[in-house]
Amino acid sequence: MKRSIAGINPTAKPSGTGCEECLATGAWWFHLRRCAECGHIGCCDSSPNQHATKHFHATGHPIIRSFEPGETWFWNFIKRTEVRGEALAPPESHPKDQPVPGPAGHVPLNWQSLLNE
């Protein structure tokens, strides 16, 4: 399969609607990020567990895209900057009715004090 932008596979579907690792362990996230190479959904760096960045370090997949409704930006971990992307396989974000932070029932009352800066 030919890819027009290195690190982006436009046919890779999202792995789910929430952070894979947080869902598996009962943890929570602030915002979600989608690996543009394989579709892995991980939590952002403000989230306590930073699974999107951990996925980059484990796989070397360099580009993520926001998985938040209305956001279409891409980030390149290697260049440490926003980059141009292309359309990815749907869906483009988690469901709009999914709470932020999430998932419902797992977010502590003091969640704001637990965010990374």
Protein backbone atom coordinates (compact mmCIF):
# COMPACT_ATOMS: atom_id res chain seq x y z
CA MET A 1 0.00 0.00 0.00
CA LYS A 2 1.40 3.38 -0.99
CA ARG A 3 1.32 6.07 1.66
CA SER A 4 1.54 9.68 0.68
CA ILE A 5 2.86 10.86 4.05
CA ALA A 6 5.35 8.75 6.02
CA GLY A 7 3.87 7.66 9.35
CA ILE A 8 0.27 8.00 8.22
CA ASN A 9 -1.84 5.06 7.10
CA PRO A 10 -5.18 6.52 5.96
CA THR A 11 -6.85 3.08 6.00
CA ALA A 12 -6.03 2.20 9.64
CA LYS A 13 -9.21 2.31 11.70
CA PRO A 14 -9.32 3.53 15.32
CA SER A 15 -8.77 0.78 17.87
CA GLY A 16 -11.87 1.88 19.79
CA THR A 17 -13.56 4.90 21.32
CA GLY A 18 -11.29 5.26 24.36
CA CYS A 19 -7.71 4.77 25.51
CA GLU A 20 -6.97 1.05 25.14
CA GLU A 21 -4.71 0.83 28.19
CA CYS A 22 -6.89 2.96 30.46
CA LEU A 23 -9.95 0.89 29.61
CA ALA A 24 -8.01 -2.33 30.29
CA THR A 25 -6.86 -1.15 33.72
CA GLY A 26 -9.84 0.90 34.90
CA ALA A 27 -7.94 4.19 34.63
CA TRP A 28 -9.22 7.47 33.16
CA TRP A 29 -8.07 9.99 30.54
CA PHE A 30 -8.39 13.68 29.78
CA HIS A 31 -8.19 13.82 25.98
CA LEU A 32 -7.65 11.13 23.37
CA ARG A 33 -5.07 10.78 20.59
CA ARG A 34 -5.08 8.45 17.58
CA CYS A 35 -1.94 6.90 16.11
CA ALA A 36 -1.96 7.86 12.44
CA GLU A 37 0.02 4.71 11.57
CA CYS A 38 -2.00 1.92 13.22
CA GLY A 39 -5.11 3.55 14.74
CA HIS A 40 -4.19 2.92 18.39
CA ILE A 41 -6.21 5.19 20.68
CA GLY A 42 -4.25 6.46 23.66
CA CYS A 43 -4.60 9.22 26.22
CA CYS A 44 -2.89 12.61 25.87
CA ASP A 45 0.14 13.87 27.76
CA SER A 46 -2.07 15.84 30.17
CA SER A 47 -3.65 12.54 31.22
CA PRO A 48 -2.07 10.75 34.19
CA ASN A 49 -0.84 7.78 32.12
CA GLN A 50 0.20 9.43 28.81
CA HIS A 51 -0.49 6.28 26.78
CA ALA A 52 -0.30 7.94 23.33
CA THR A 53 3.32 8.96 23.97
CA LYS A 54 4.10 5.55 25.46
CA HIS A 55 2.72 3.98 22.27
CA PHE A 56 5.11 6.13 20.22
CA HIS A 57 8.09 5.02 22.33
CA ALA A 58 7.06 1.35 22.10
CA THR A 59 6.32 1.29 18.36
CA GLY A 60 8.17 4.20 16.77
CA HIS A 61 4.95 5.33 15.08
CA PRO A 62 5.76 9.06 14.81
CA ILE A 63 2.44 10.81 14.15
CA ILE A 64 -0.77 11.15 16.14
CA ARG A 65 -3.98 12.99 15.44
CA SER A 66 -6.41 14.39 17.96
CA PHE A 67 -9.34 12.03 18.54
CA GLU A 68 -11.48 14.81 20.01
CA PRO A 69 -14.64 16.01 18.21
CA GLY A 70 -13.94 19.03 15.98
CA GLU A 71 -10.14 18.73 16.19
CA THR A 72 -8.17 17.71 13.08
CA TRP A 73 -4.54 18.51 13.98
CA PHE A 74 -1.63 16.07 13.66
CA TRP A 75 1.52 15.98 15.84
CA ASN A 76 4.89 14.50 14.94
CA PHE A 77 6.74 13.17 18.00
CA ILE A 78 10.10 13.13 16.21
CA LYS A 79 9.90 16.70 14.87
CA ARG A 80 8.08 17.84 18.03
CA THR A 81 5.68 19.98 16.01
CA GLU A 82 2.31 19.96 14.32
CA VAL A 83 2.44 18.53 10.81
CA ARG A 84 0.22 18.29 7.77
CA GLY A 85 -1.91 15.19 7.66
CA GLU A 86 -4.53 13.61 5.47
CA ALA A 87 -7.98 12.12 5.88
CA LEU A 88 -8.03 9.02 8.07
CA ALA A 89 -10.52 6.15 8.12
CA PRO A 90 -13.64 7.03 10.11
CA PRO A 91 -14.58 7.74 12.78
CA GLU A 92 -12.57 10.94 13.18
CA SER A 93 -13.22 11.24 16.92
CA HIS A 94 -14.72 9.53 19.91
CA PRO A 95 -18.54 9.81 20.11
CA LYS A 96 -19.65 13.35 20.87
CA ASP A 97 -21.75 12.13 23.80
CA GLN A 98 -18.72 10.45 25.43
CA PRO A 99 -17.69 12.50 28.47
CA VAL A 100 -14.42 14.43 28.69
CA PRO A 101 -12.60 13.45 30.77
CA GLY A 102 -13.63 9.83 30.56
CA PRO A 103 -14.68 7.16 30.73
CA ALA A 104 -17.86 7.77 32.70
CA GLY A 105 -17.65 6.36 36.19
CA HIS A 106 -13.85 6.26 36.33
CA VAL A 107 -12.95 9.95 36.63
CA PRO A 108 -12.09 11.03 40.19
CA LEU A 109 -13.70 14.15 41.63
CA ASN A 110 -10.27 15.82 41.92
CA TRP A 111 -9.31 15.00 38.30
CA GLN A 112 -8.15 18.56 37.52
CA SER A 113 -5.45 18.38 40.22
CA LEU A 114 -4.19 15.09 38.73
CA LEU A 115 -3.47 16.40 35.21
CA ASN A 116 0.09 16.65 33.94
CA GLU A 117 1.18 20.07 32.71
